[in-house]
N, C-alpha and C. Protein backbone atom coordinates (compact mmCIF):
# COMPACT_ATOMS: atom_id res chain seq x y z
N MET A 1 8.68 -3.01 36.91
CA MET A 1 9.34 -3.68 38.03
C MET A 1 9.69 -2.67 39.10
N SER A 2 9.38 -2.99 40.34
CA SER A 2 9.79 -2.14 41.45
C SER A 2 10.99 -2.76 42.11
N SER A 3 11.93 -1.95 42.56
CA SER A 3 13.12 -2.52 43.17
C SER A 3 13.76 -1.52 44.11
N SER A 4 14.63 -2.05 44.96
CA SER A 4 15.43 -1.24 45.85
C SER A 4 16.74 -1.96 46.06
N SER A 5 17.59 -1.44 46.92
CA SER A 5 18.87 -2.09 47.14
C SER A 5 18.73 -3.40 47.90
N THR A 6 17.54 -3.65 48.47
CA THR A 6 17.39 -4.85 49.28
C THR A 6 16.24 -5.75 48.86
N GLY A 7 15.44 -5.38 47.90
CA GLY A 7 14.36 -6.27 47.51
C GLY A 7 13.72 -5.82 46.24
N SER A 8 13.07 -6.77 45.54
CA SER A 8 12.41 -6.39 44.31
C SER A 8 11.30 -7.36 43.97
N SER A 9 10.42 -6.93 43.07
CA SER A 9 9.33 -7.74 42.59
C SER A 9 9.34 -7.69 41.08
N THR A 10 9.26 -8.85 40.44
CA THR A 10 9.31 -8.90 38.99
C THR A 10 8.10 -9.61 38.45
N GLY A 11 7.73 -9.28 37.21
CA GLY A 11 6.60 -9.92 36.56
C GLY A 11 5.95 -8.98 35.58
N SER A 12 5.00 -9.50 34.85
CA SER A 12 4.34 -8.71 33.82
C SER A 12 3.29 -7.80 34.42
N SER A 13 3.17 -6.61 33.87
CA SER A 13 2.15 -5.68 34.37
C SER A 13 0.76 -6.06 33.92
N THR A 14 0.65 -7.02 32.99
CA THR A 14 -0.67 -7.42 32.50
C THR A 14 -1.37 -8.36 33.44
N GLY A 15 -0.61 -8.97 34.38
CA GLY A 15 -1.22 -9.90 35.30
C GLY A 15 -1.28 -11.31 34.77
N SER A 16 -0.83 -11.54 33.51
CA SER A 16 -0.90 -12.87 32.92
C SER A 16 0.31 -13.72 33.28
N SER A 17 1.37 -13.12 33.78
CA SER A 17 2.58 -13.86 34.11
C SER A 17 2.62 -14.16 35.60
N ARG A 18 3.33 -15.24 35.91
CA ARG A 18 3.59 -15.53 37.31
C ARG A 18 4.47 -14.45 37.90
N ALA A 19 4.26 -14.14 39.16
CA ALA A 19 5.15 -13.20 39.84
C ALA A 19 6.36 -13.96 40.36
N VAL A 20 7.52 -13.38 40.16
CA VAL A 20 8.75 -13.88 40.78
C VAL A 20 9.32 -12.73 41.58
N LYS A 21 9.28 -12.86 42.87
CA LYS A 21 9.73 -11.79 43.75
C LYS A 21 11.02 -12.20 44.44
N VAL A 22 11.86 -11.24 44.73
CA VAL A 22 13.13 -11.50 45.39
C VAL A 22 13.31 -10.52 46.55
N SER A 23 13.56 -11.05 47.72
CA SER A 23 13.94 -10.23 48.87
C SER A 23 15.39 -10.53 49.18
N LEU A 24 16.24 -9.52 49.07
CA LEU A 24 17.67 -9.74 49.23
C LEU A 24 18.10 -9.82 50.69
N VAL A 25 17.19 -9.47 51.60
CA VAL A 25 17.35 -9.75 53.03
C VAL A 25 15.97 -10.13 53.57
N PRO A 26 15.89 -10.98 54.58
CA PRO A 26 14.59 -11.46 55.06
C PRO A 26 13.66 -10.36 55.57
N SER A 27 14.22 -9.28 56.10
CA SER A 27 13.39 -8.23 56.67
C SER A 27 12.54 -7.52 55.62
N MET A 28 12.83 -7.73 54.33
CA MET A 28 12.08 -7.07 53.28
C MET A 28 10.75 -7.74 52.97
N VAL A 29 10.49 -8.91 53.57
CA VAL A 29 9.21 -9.58 53.32
C VAL A 29 8.64 -10.06 54.65
N LYS A 30 7.40 -9.69 54.90
CA LYS A 30 6.71 -10.16 56.10
C LYS A 30 6.24 -11.59 55.88
N ALA A 31 6.21 -12.36 56.95
CA ALA A 31 5.81 -13.77 56.85
C ALA A 31 4.44 -13.92 56.20
N ASP A 32 3.50 -13.04 56.54
CA ASP A 32 2.15 -13.12 56.00
C ASP A 32 2.12 -12.92 54.48
N ALA A 33 3.09 -12.20 53.95
CA ALA A 33 3.11 -11.93 52.50
C ALA A 33 3.46 -13.17 51.70
N LEU A 34 3.97 -14.21 52.35
CA LEU A 34 4.37 -15.42 51.66
C LEU A 34 3.25 -16.45 51.56
N VAL A 35 2.13 -16.17 52.19
CA VAL A 35 1.01 -17.11 52.16
C VAL A 35 0.57 -17.36 50.72
N GLY A 36 0.44 -18.63 50.36
CA GLY A 36 0.00 -19.00 49.02
C GLY A 36 1.11 -19.07 47.99
N MET A 37 2.32 -18.69 48.36
CA MET A 37 3.45 -18.68 47.43
C MET A 37 4.35 -19.90 47.65
N VAL A 38 5.28 -20.08 46.71
CA VAL A 38 6.40 -20.97 46.91
C VAL A 38 7.58 -20.11 47.36
N ALA A 39 8.10 -20.36 48.54
CA ALA A 39 9.25 -19.61 49.05
C ALA A 39 10.52 -20.41 48.78
N VAL A 40 11.49 -19.75 48.17
CA VAL A 40 12.80 -20.36 47.93
C VAL A 40 13.79 -19.67 48.86
N VAL A 41 14.28 -20.40 49.84
CA VAL A 41 15.21 -19.83 50.81
C VAL A 41 16.64 -20.06 50.31
N VAL A 42 17.37 -18.95 50.16
CA VAL A 42 18.73 -19.02 49.63
C VAL A 42 19.73 -18.57 50.72
N ASP A 43 20.54 -19.50 51.16
CA ASP A 43 21.68 -19.20 52.03
C ASP A 43 22.87 -19.93 51.41
N GLN A 44 23.45 -19.31 50.39
CA GLN A 44 24.47 -19.96 49.59
C GLN A 44 25.65 -20.43 50.44
N LEU A 45 26.09 -19.61 51.37
CA LEU A 45 27.20 -19.95 52.27
C LEU A 45 26.72 -19.81 53.72
N ARG A 46 26.15 -20.96 54.35
CA ARG A 46 26.25 -22.21 53.63
C ARG A 46 25.02 -23.09 53.79
N ALA A 47 24.03 -22.68 54.54
CA ALA A 47 22.97 -23.61 54.95
C ALA A 47 22.30 -24.30 53.77
N SER A 48 21.93 -23.56 52.72
CA SER A 48 21.25 -24.18 51.59
C SER A 48 22.14 -25.22 50.92
N THR A 49 23.40 -24.89 50.73
CA THR A 49 24.33 -25.81 50.10
C THR A 49 24.55 -27.04 50.96
N THR A 50 24.65 -26.86 52.26
CA THR A 50 24.86 -27.98 53.17
C THR A 50 23.65 -28.90 53.21
N ILE A 51 22.45 -28.33 53.24
CA ILE A 51 21.23 -29.15 53.24
C ILE A 51 21.17 -29.98 51.96
N CYS A 52 21.45 -29.37 50.83
CA CYS A 52 21.42 -30.11 49.56
C CYS A 52 22.46 -31.21 49.54
N THR A 53 23.65 -30.93 50.07
CA THR A 53 24.71 -31.93 50.11
C THR A 53 24.32 -33.12 50.99
N ALA A 54 23.75 -32.83 52.15
CA ALA A 54 23.33 -33.91 53.06
C ALA A 54 22.29 -34.81 52.40
N LEU A 55 21.32 -34.21 51.74
CA LEU A 55 20.28 -35.00 51.07
C LEU A 55 20.86 -35.79 49.90
N ALA A 56 21.75 -35.18 49.15
CA ALA A 56 22.38 -35.87 48.02
C ALA A 56 23.22 -37.05 48.49
N ASN A 57 23.73 -36.96 49.71
CA ASN A 57 24.54 -38.04 50.26
C ASN A 57 23.74 -39.04 51.06
N GLY A 58 22.42 -38.99 50.91
CA GLY A 58 21.58 -40.05 51.47
C GLY A 58 20.92 -39.78 52.80
N ALA A 59 21.00 -38.54 53.30
CA ALA A 59 20.30 -38.24 54.55
C ALA A 59 18.80 -38.50 54.37
N LYS A 60 18.18 -39.06 55.38
CA LYS A 60 16.75 -39.36 55.31
C LYS A 60 15.93 -38.09 55.22
N GLU A 61 16.31 -37.10 56.00
CA GLU A 61 15.71 -35.77 55.96
C GLU A 61 16.57 -34.81 56.75
N VAL A 62 16.35 -33.53 56.53
CA VAL A 62 17.04 -32.49 57.30
C VAL A 62 15.97 -31.65 57.98
N LYS A 63 16.02 -31.61 59.31
CA LYS A 63 15.03 -30.87 60.08
C LYS A 63 15.68 -29.62 60.66
N PRO A 64 15.14 -28.43 60.33
CA PRO A 64 15.71 -27.19 60.86
C PRO A 64 15.19 -26.85 62.25
N TYR A 65 16.06 -26.25 63.05
CA TYR A 65 15.68 -25.79 64.38
C TYR A 65 16.23 -24.39 64.60
N LEU A 66 15.51 -23.61 65.39
CA LEU A 66 15.95 -22.25 65.66
C LEU A 66 17.14 -22.22 66.61
N GLU A 67 17.12 -23.05 67.62
CA GLU A 67 18.14 -23.00 68.66
C GLU A 67 18.83 -24.35 68.84
N PRO A 68 20.10 -24.35 69.22
CA PRO A 68 20.82 -25.61 69.46
C PRO A 68 20.14 -26.52 70.47
N MET A 69 19.63 -25.95 71.55
CA MET A 69 19.00 -26.78 72.57
C MET A 69 17.79 -27.53 72.02
N GLN A 70 17.03 -26.90 71.13
CA GLN A 70 15.89 -27.57 70.51
C GLN A 70 16.33 -28.78 69.71
N ALA A 71 17.42 -28.62 68.98
CA ALA A 71 17.94 -29.73 68.18
C ALA A 71 18.44 -30.86 69.08
N MET A 72 19.13 -30.51 70.17
CA MET A 72 19.65 -31.53 71.08
C MET A 72 18.51 -32.28 71.77
N GLN A 73 17.46 -31.57 72.14
CA GLN A 73 16.31 -32.22 72.76
C GLN A 73 15.62 -33.14 71.77
N ALA A 74 15.56 -32.72 70.51
CA ALA A 74 14.95 -33.57 69.48
C ALA A 74 15.75 -34.84 69.27
N LYS A 75 17.08 -34.75 69.30
CA LYS A 75 17.91 -35.94 69.08
C LYS A 75 17.65 -36.99 70.15
N ALA A 76 17.36 -36.56 71.36
CA ALA A 76 17.11 -37.50 72.46
C ALA A 76 15.90 -38.38 72.20
N ARG A 77 15.03 -37.95 71.28
CA ARG A 77 13.83 -38.73 70.98
C ARG A 77 14.06 -39.77 69.88
N TYR A 78 15.24 -39.75 69.28
CA TYR A 78 15.55 -40.71 68.22
C TYR A 78 16.31 -41.90 68.78
N ARG A 79 16.12 -43.04 68.12
CA ARG A 79 16.91 -44.21 68.48
C ARG A 79 18.38 -43.93 68.22
N GLU A 80 19.25 -44.44 69.07
CA GLU A 80 20.68 -44.16 68.95
C GLU A 80 21.20 -44.54 67.56
N GLY A 81 21.95 -43.63 66.97
CA GLY A 81 22.56 -43.88 65.67
C GLY A 81 21.69 -43.53 64.49
N THR A 82 20.48 -43.00 64.72
CA THR A 82 19.58 -42.70 63.61
C THR A 82 19.49 -41.20 63.30
N ALA A 83 20.08 -40.37 64.14
CA ALA A 83 20.04 -38.92 63.93
C ALA A 83 21.37 -38.30 64.33
N ILE A 84 21.74 -37.22 63.62
CA ILE A 84 22.95 -36.50 63.98
C ILE A 84 22.64 -35.01 64.09
N LEU A 85 23.49 -34.32 64.83
CA LEU A 85 23.34 -32.88 65.01
C LEU A 85 24.31 -32.15 64.09
N GLY A 86 23.79 -31.13 63.40
CA GLY A 86 24.64 -30.31 62.55
C GLY A 86 24.30 -28.85 62.72
N GLY A 87 25.32 -27.99 62.69
CA GLY A 87 25.04 -26.57 62.78
C GLY A 87 26.19 -25.75 63.29
N GLU A 88 25.97 -24.45 63.31
CA GLU A 88 27.00 -23.50 63.73
C GLU A 88 26.38 -22.28 64.36
N ARG A 89 27.22 -21.55 65.06
CA ARG A 89 26.89 -20.22 65.52
C ARG A 89 28.09 -19.33 65.22
N MET A 90 27.83 -18.29 64.42
CA MET A 90 28.88 -17.37 64.01
C MET A 90 30.03 -18.11 63.31
N GLY A 91 29.68 -19.13 62.54
CA GLY A 91 30.65 -19.86 61.74
C GLY A 91 31.37 -20.98 62.46
N ARG A 92 31.14 -21.17 63.74
CA ARG A 92 31.83 -22.20 64.51
C ARG A 92 30.89 -23.35 64.84
N ARG A 93 31.42 -24.57 64.73
CA ARG A 93 30.61 -25.73 65.10
C ARG A 93 30.15 -25.62 66.55
N ILE A 94 28.89 -25.97 66.78
CA ILE A 94 28.33 -25.90 68.12
C ILE A 94 28.89 -27.04 68.97
N GLU A 95 29.27 -26.74 70.18
CA GLU A 95 29.84 -27.75 71.07
C GLU A 95 28.86 -28.91 71.26
N GLY A 96 29.37 -30.12 71.10
CA GLY A 96 28.55 -31.31 71.26
C GLY A 96 27.87 -31.77 69.99
N PHE A 97 27.98 -31.00 68.91
CA PHE A 97 27.36 -31.37 67.65
C PHE A 97 28.27 -32.27 66.83
N ASP A 98 27.68 -33.11 65.99
CA ASP A 98 28.43 -34.05 65.17
C ASP A 98 29.11 -33.37 63.99
N CYS A 99 28.45 -32.34 63.45
CA CYS A 99 28.96 -31.62 62.28
C CYS A 99 28.76 -30.12 62.49
N GLY A 100 29.52 -29.36 61.73
CA GLY A 100 29.32 -27.92 61.72
C GLY A 100 28.36 -27.54 60.61
N ASN A 101 28.78 -26.60 59.76
CA ASN A 101 27.91 -26.14 58.68
C ASN A 101 28.61 -26.23 57.33
N SER A 102 29.72 -26.96 57.26
CA SER A 102 30.41 -27.13 55.99
C SER A 102 29.84 -28.32 55.24
N PRO A 103 29.54 -28.17 53.96
CA PRO A 103 29.05 -29.32 53.19
C PRO A 103 30.00 -30.50 53.24
N ALA A 104 31.30 -30.25 53.32
CA ALA A 104 32.29 -31.32 53.33
C ALA A 104 32.14 -32.25 54.54
N GLU A 105 31.53 -31.76 55.59
CA GLU A 105 31.35 -32.58 56.79
C GLU A 105 30.21 -33.57 56.67
N PHE A 106 29.32 -33.34 55.72
CA PHE A 106 28.11 -34.17 55.59
C PHE A 106 28.32 -35.23 54.51
N SER A 107 29.32 -36.06 54.75
CA SER A 107 29.67 -37.12 53.80
C SER A 107 28.65 -38.25 53.84
N ARG A 108 28.68 -39.09 52.81
CA ARG A 108 27.75 -40.21 52.75
C ARG A 108 27.93 -41.13 53.96
N ASP A 109 29.16 -41.37 54.35
CA ASP A 109 29.42 -42.24 55.49
C ASP A 109 28.78 -41.70 56.77
N LYS A 110 28.70 -40.39 56.88
CA LYS A 110 28.20 -39.79 58.12
C LYS A 110 26.68 -39.62 58.13
N VAL A 111 26.06 -39.36 56.97
CA VAL A 111 24.64 -38.98 56.98
C VAL A 111 23.70 -39.99 56.32
N SER A 112 24.21 -40.93 55.57
CA SER A 112 23.32 -41.82 54.81
C SER A 112 22.34 -42.56 55.73
N GLY A 113 21.05 -42.44 55.42
CA GLY A 113 20.01 -43.11 56.18
C GLY A 113 19.66 -42.46 57.50
N LYS A 114 20.27 -41.31 57.79
CA LYS A 114 20.04 -40.66 59.09
C LYS A 114 19.26 -39.35 58.93
N VAL A 115 18.67 -38.93 60.01
CA VAL A 115 18.01 -37.63 60.08
C VAL A 115 19.03 -36.60 60.58
N VAL A 116 19.13 -35.49 59.87
CA VAL A 116 20.04 -34.42 60.27
C VAL A 116 19.23 -33.33 60.98
N LEU A 117 19.56 -33.06 62.22
CA LEU A 117 18.91 -32.02 63.01
C LEU A 117 19.82 -30.80 62.94
N PHE A 118 19.33 -29.72 62.34
CA PHE A 118 20.20 -28.68 61.80
C PHE A 118 19.81 -27.30 62.32
N THR A 119 20.79 -26.53 62.77
CA THR A 119 20.52 -25.17 63.20
C THR A 119 21.71 -24.28 62.85
N THR A 120 21.43 -23.12 62.27
CA THR A 120 22.49 -22.21 61.86
C THR A 120 22.16 -20.78 62.26
N THR A 121 23.15 -19.92 62.13
CA THR A 121 22.98 -18.52 62.52
C THR A 121 21.93 -17.82 61.68
N ASN A 122 21.95 -18.06 60.36
CA ASN A 122 21.05 -17.33 59.46
C ASN A 122 20.03 -18.23 58.75
N GLY A 123 20.52 -19.29 58.11
CA GLY A 123 19.69 -20.06 57.19
C GLY A 123 18.45 -20.68 57.80
N THR A 124 18.59 -21.36 58.93
CA THR A 124 17.42 -22.02 59.49
C THR A 124 16.41 -21.01 60.03
N ARG A 125 16.87 -19.85 60.43
CA ARG A 125 15.93 -18.81 60.87
C ARG A 125 15.06 -18.34 59.70
N VAL A 126 15.65 -18.24 58.54
CA VAL A 126 14.88 -17.82 57.37
C VAL A 126 13.88 -18.91 56.96
N LEU A 127 14.25 -20.17 57.12
CA LEU A 127 13.30 -21.26 56.85
C LEU A 127 12.06 -21.12 57.74
N TYR A 128 12.27 -20.78 59.00
CA TYR A 128 11.13 -20.56 59.89
C TYR A 128 10.34 -19.31 59.49
N HIS A 129 11.06 -18.28 59.09
CA HIS A 129 10.40 -17.05 58.65
C HIS A 129 9.49 -17.30 57.45
N ALA A 130 9.89 -18.25 56.61
CA ALA A 130 9.14 -18.54 55.38
C ALA A 130 8.07 -19.60 55.56
N ALA A 131 7.87 -20.07 56.77
CA ALA A 131 7.03 -21.24 57.01
C ALA A 131 5.57 -21.05 56.60
N ARG A 132 5.08 -19.83 56.48
CA ARG A 132 3.69 -19.61 56.12
C ARG A 132 3.44 -19.72 54.62
N ALA A 133 4.49 -19.87 53.85
CA ALA A 133 4.34 -20.07 52.41
C ALA A 133 3.63 -21.41 52.16
N GLU A 134 3.02 -21.52 50.99
CA GLU A 134 2.36 -22.77 50.61
C GLU A 134 3.36 -23.92 50.57
N ARG A 135 4.55 -23.61 50.09
CA ARG A 135 5.62 -24.61 50.05
C ARG A 135 6.95 -23.89 50.23
N VAL A 136 7.86 -24.50 50.99
CA VAL A 136 9.18 -23.92 51.23
C VAL A 136 10.23 -24.88 50.69
N VAL A 137 11.13 -24.36 49.85
CA VAL A 137 12.23 -25.16 49.33
C VAL A 137 13.52 -24.37 49.54
N VAL A 138 14.65 -25.08 49.52
CA VAL A 138 15.94 -24.39 49.62
C VAL A 138 16.53 -24.27 48.22
N GLY A 139 17.26 -23.17 48.01
CA GLY A 139 17.88 -22.93 46.72
C GLY A 139 19.32 -22.51 46.86
N CYS A 140 20.15 -22.94 45.93
CA CYS A 140 21.55 -22.56 45.88
C CYS A 140 22.10 -22.97 44.52
N LEU A 141 23.34 -22.68 44.28
CA LEU A 141 23.93 -23.05 42.99
C LEU A 141 24.06 -24.57 42.87
N ALA A 142 24.19 -25.27 43.98
CA ALA A 142 24.37 -26.72 43.94
C ALA A 142 23.13 -27.45 43.43
N ASN A 143 21.94 -26.93 43.70
CA ASN A 143 20.72 -27.61 43.24
C ASN A 143 19.99 -26.80 42.17
N LEU A 144 20.71 -25.94 41.47
CA LEU A 144 20.10 -25.02 40.53
C LEU A 144 19.27 -25.74 39.47
N ASN A 145 19.80 -26.79 38.88
CA ASN A 145 19.09 -27.48 37.79
C ASN A 145 17.77 -28.08 38.26
N CYS A 146 17.81 -28.84 39.36
CA CYS A 146 16.57 -29.48 39.82
C CYS A 146 15.59 -28.46 40.39
N LEU A 147 16.10 -27.39 41.00
CA LEU A 147 15.22 -26.35 41.52
C LEU A 147 14.46 -25.66 40.39
N VAL A 148 15.17 -25.30 39.34
CA VAL A 148 14.53 -24.63 38.21
C VAL A 148 13.53 -25.56 37.53
N GLU A 149 13.86 -26.84 37.44
CA GLU A 149 12.91 -27.81 36.86
C GLU A 149 11.64 -27.86 37.68
N PHE A 150 11.78 -27.84 39.01
CA PHE A 150 10.61 -27.83 39.88
C PHE A 150 9.80 -26.55 39.69
N LEU A 151 10.47 -25.40 39.71
CA LEU A 151 9.78 -24.12 39.61
C LEU A 151 9.15 -23.91 38.23
N GLU A 152 9.74 -24.52 37.21
CA GLU A 152 9.20 -24.39 35.86
C GLU A 152 7.77 -24.91 35.79
N HIS A 153 7.48 -25.95 36.55
CA HIS A 153 6.15 -26.56 36.51
C HIS A 153 5.25 -26.08 37.65
N GLU A 154 5.76 -25.18 38.45
CA GLU A 154 4.99 -24.63 39.57
C GLU A 154 4.15 -23.45 39.09
N LYS A 155 2.86 -23.48 39.36
CA LYS A 155 1.96 -22.43 38.89
C LYS A 155 1.77 -21.29 39.88
N ARG A 156 2.18 -21.52 41.11
CA ARG A 156 2.03 -20.47 42.12
C ARG A 156 3.13 -19.42 41.97
N ASP A 157 2.89 -18.24 42.51
CA ASP A 157 3.91 -17.21 42.52
C ASP A 157 5.11 -17.68 43.36
N VAL A 158 6.27 -17.18 43.02
CA VAL A 158 7.51 -17.59 43.66
C VAL A 158 8.14 -16.40 44.36
N HIS A 159 8.61 -16.61 45.58
CA HIS A 159 9.33 -15.56 46.30
C HIS A 159 10.66 -16.13 46.76
N ILE A 160 11.74 -15.58 46.25
CA ILE A 160 13.08 -15.98 46.64
C ILE A 160 13.51 -15.10 47.82
N VAL A 161 13.82 -15.75 48.94
CA VAL A 161 14.20 -15.02 50.15
C VAL A 161 15.66 -15.33 50.47
N CYS A 162 16.50 -14.33 50.37
CA CYS A 162 17.93 -14.49 50.67
C CYS A 162 18.17 -14.33 52.16
N ALA A 163 19.04 -15.18 52.71
CA ALA A 163 19.27 -15.17 54.15
C ALA A 163 20.10 -13.97 54.59
N GLY A 164 21.06 -13.57 53.75
CA GLY A 164 21.95 -12.49 54.16
C GLY A 164 22.83 -12.91 55.33
N VAL A 165 23.50 -11.94 55.91
CA VAL A 165 24.37 -12.18 57.06
C VAL A 165 24.06 -11.14 58.14
N ARG A 166 23.49 -11.61 59.22
CA ARG A 166 23.13 -10.74 60.34
C ARG A 166 22.35 -9.51 59.89
N GLY A 167 21.38 -9.76 59.01
CA GLY A 167 20.50 -8.71 58.55
C GLY A 167 21.00 -7.89 57.38
N GLU A 168 22.22 -8.16 56.93
CA GLU A 168 22.79 -7.42 55.81
C GLU A 168 22.83 -8.29 54.56
N LEU A 169 22.80 -7.64 53.41
CA LEU A 169 22.87 -8.33 52.13
C LEU A 169 24.15 -9.15 52.01
N ALA A 170 24.04 -10.36 51.46
CA ALA A 170 25.21 -11.22 51.22
C ALA A 170 25.38 -11.38 49.71
N ASN A 171 26.54 -11.01 49.21
CA ASN A 171 26.78 -11.05 47.77
C ASN A 171 26.50 -12.41 47.15
N GLU A 172 26.92 -13.48 47.84
CA GLU A 172 26.76 -14.82 47.27
C GLU A 172 25.29 -15.22 47.17
N ASP A 173 24.46 -14.74 48.08
CA ASP A 173 23.02 -15.02 48.00
C ASP A 173 22.40 -14.31 46.80
N VAL A 174 22.85 -13.08 46.55
CA VAL A 174 22.34 -12.34 45.40
C VAL A 174 22.74 -13.03 44.11
N LEU A 175 23.96 -13.54 44.04
CA LEU A 175 24.42 -14.28 42.88
C LEU A 175 23.52 -15.49 42.63
N ALA A 176 23.25 -16.27 43.67
CA ALA A 176 22.41 -17.45 43.53
C ALA A 176 20.99 -17.09 43.12
N ALA A 177 20.43 -16.03 43.74
CA ALA A 177 19.08 -15.60 43.37
C ALA A 177 19.02 -15.16 41.91
N GLY A 178 20.02 -14.41 41.47
CA GLY A 178 20.07 -14.00 40.07
C GLY A 178 20.18 -15.17 39.13
N ALA A 179 20.96 -16.18 39.51
CA ALA A 179 21.10 -17.37 38.68
C ALA A 179 19.78 -18.12 38.56
N ILE A 180 19.03 -18.21 39.66
CA ILE A 180 17.74 -18.89 39.63
C ILE A 180 16.78 -18.18 38.68
N VAL A 181 16.70 -16.85 38.81
CA VAL A 181 15.80 -16.07 37.96
C VAL A 181 16.22 -16.18 36.49
N SER A 182 17.51 -16.08 36.23
CA SER A 182 18.00 -16.15 34.85
C SER A 182 17.69 -17.50 34.22
N ARG A 183 17.87 -18.58 34.99
CA ARG A 183 17.58 -19.91 34.45
C ARG A 183 16.09 -20.11 34.24
N LEU A 184 15.28 -19.55 35.12
CA LEU A 184 13.83 -19.62 34.91
C LEU A 184 13.44 -18.94 33.60
N MET A 185 14.09 -17.82 33.31
CA MET A 185 13.80 -17.12 32.06
C MET A 185 14.21 -17.93 30.85
N MET A 186 15.24 -18.73 30.98
CA MET A 186 15.71 -19.56 29.87
C MET A 186 14.70 -20.65 29.53
N VAL A 187 14.05 -21.22 30.56
CA VAL A 187 13.17 -22.36 30.33
C VAL A 187 11.71 -21.94 30.16
N ALA A 188 11.32 -20.78 30.68
CA ALA A 188 9.90 -20.38 30.59
C ALA A 188 9.77 -18.87 30.45
N PRO A 189 10.35 -18.27 29.41
CA PRO A 189 10.29 -16.81 29.29
C PRO A 189 8.89 -16.28 29.09
N GLU A 190 8.04 -17.05 28.39
CA GLU A 190 6.68 -16.58 28.11
C GLU A 190 5.83 -16.59 29.36
N ASP A 191 6.23 -17.38 30.36
CA ASP A 191 5.44 -17.51 31.59
C ASP A 191 5.79 -16.42 32.60
N LEU A 192 7.02 -15.91 32.53
CA LEU A 192 7.50 -15.02 33.57
C LEU A 192 7.56 -13.56 33.18
N GLY A 193 7.66 -13.26 31.90
CA GLY A 193 7.70 -11.87 31.48
C GLY A 193 9.11 -11.33 31.35
N ALA A 194 9.28 -10.33 30.51
CA ALA A 194 10.60 -9.80 30.18
C ALA A 194 11.28 -9.13 31.36
N GLU A 195 10.51 -8.51 32.25
CA GLU A 195 11.11 -7.81 33.38
C GLU A 195 11.91 -8.77 34.25
N THR A 196 11.41 -10.01 34.38
CA THR A 196 12.10 -11.00 35.20
C THR A 196 13.49 -11.29 34.67
N GLY A 197 13.60 -11.46 33.36
CA GLY A 197 14.90 -11.73 32.75
C GLY A 197 15.88 -10.60 32.96
N ARG A 198 15.41 -9.37 32.85
CA ARG A 198 16.31 -8.24 33.06
C ARG A 198 16.81 -8.20 34.50
N PHE A 199 15.93 -8.56 35.44
CA PHE A 199 16.35 -8.61 36.83
C PHE A 199 17.43 -9.66 37.05
N GLY A 200 17.22 -10.88 36.51
CA GLY A 200 18.19 -11.95 36.69
C GLY A 200 19.54 -11.58 36.13
N GLY A 201 19.56 -10.98 34.93
CA GLY A 201 20.82 -10.57 34.33
C GLY A 201 21.51 -9.49 35.14
N LEU A 202 20.73 -8.56 35.68
CA LEU A 202 21.29 -7.49 36.50
C LEU A 202 21.96 -8.06 37.74
N MET A 203 21.28 -8.99 38.42
CA MET A 203 21.82 -9.52 39.66
C MET A 203 23.07 -10.36 39.42
N THR A 204 23.05 -11.25 38.43
CA THR A 204 24.23 -12.08 38.20
C THR A 204 25.38 -11.23 37.70
N GLY A 205 25.11 -10.27 36.84
CA GLY A 205 26.17 -9.40 36.34
C GLY A 205 26.77 -8.56 37.44
N ARG A 206 25.92 -8.06 38.33
CA ARG A 206 26.39 -7.25 39.45
C ARG A 206 27.31 -8.07 40.35
N CYS A 207 26.92 -9.33 40.61
CA CYS A 207 27.71 -10.15 41.51
C CYS A 207 29.05 -10.54 40.91
N TRP A 208 29.06 -10.79 39.61
CA TRP A 208 30.34 -11.16 39.00
C TRP A 208 31.34 -10.01 39.09
N ARG A 209 30.87 -8.80 39.21
CA ARG A 209 31.78 -7.66 39.33
C ARG A 209 32.26 -7.46 40.76
N TRP A 210 31.58 -8.10 41.73
CA TRP A 210 32.00 -7.96 43.11
C TRP A 210 33.20 -8.85 43.40
N ASP A 211 34.00 -8.46 44.35
CA ASP A 211 35.14 -9.25 44.78
C ASP A 211 34.72 -10.13 45.94
N PHE A 212 34.79 -11.45 45.71
CA PHE A 212 34.36 -12.40 46.76
C PHE A 212 35.52 -12.81 47.65
N GLY A 213 36.67 -12.21 47.47
CA GLY A 213 37.79 -12.48 48.37
C GLY A 213 38.26 -13.92 48.33
N GLY A 214 38.16 -14.58 47.16
CA GLY A 214 38.65 -15.94 47.02
C GLY A 214 37.69 -17.01 47.46
N VAL A 215 36.45 -16.64 47.84
CA VAL A 215 35.47 -17.64 48.27
C VAL A 215 35.14 -18.54 47.10
């Protein structure tokens, strides 16, 4: 296994196991390197968690946008009452938007049956960065069970891309990435190889020792 403080690649040296790669910040993986892979975008606090919450509460879909103006222009093309704007910049709700980036704001009453047009400081940018992957999914602790079930049956290589915060590693993203890898090892150890399990244990153990300041 090769690794650094910001990214790593796990898998068997025999070539018989699927590769599970983790980039702890987006800059560690070029967009072209994701071609043919399944990219799992992790922005634990909060884009990934908010997207999962909106969908669980009945949102028709969540569409990511790079900039607020793009999302606002897109909303103008929807019939009134069928789409809402959600997002933040530097943690603050964008002026004129219906919701910020807190999962608590995306209640069933607010999102059920609607399209959520979504833009955030970090998370949605990483979704665009990962767009060349064969398939892009979001990952977080909230959807851990269904995500692992999906990845268990996925035959393509997997690359977990953590959003980080303004280009720096985010502890909570590392925790979520480690949890995903560890759970994959629990359900399919023979498919992923022993190195993958050691990586997952290292990441989750490292994060539990960090102080999250009450988050």
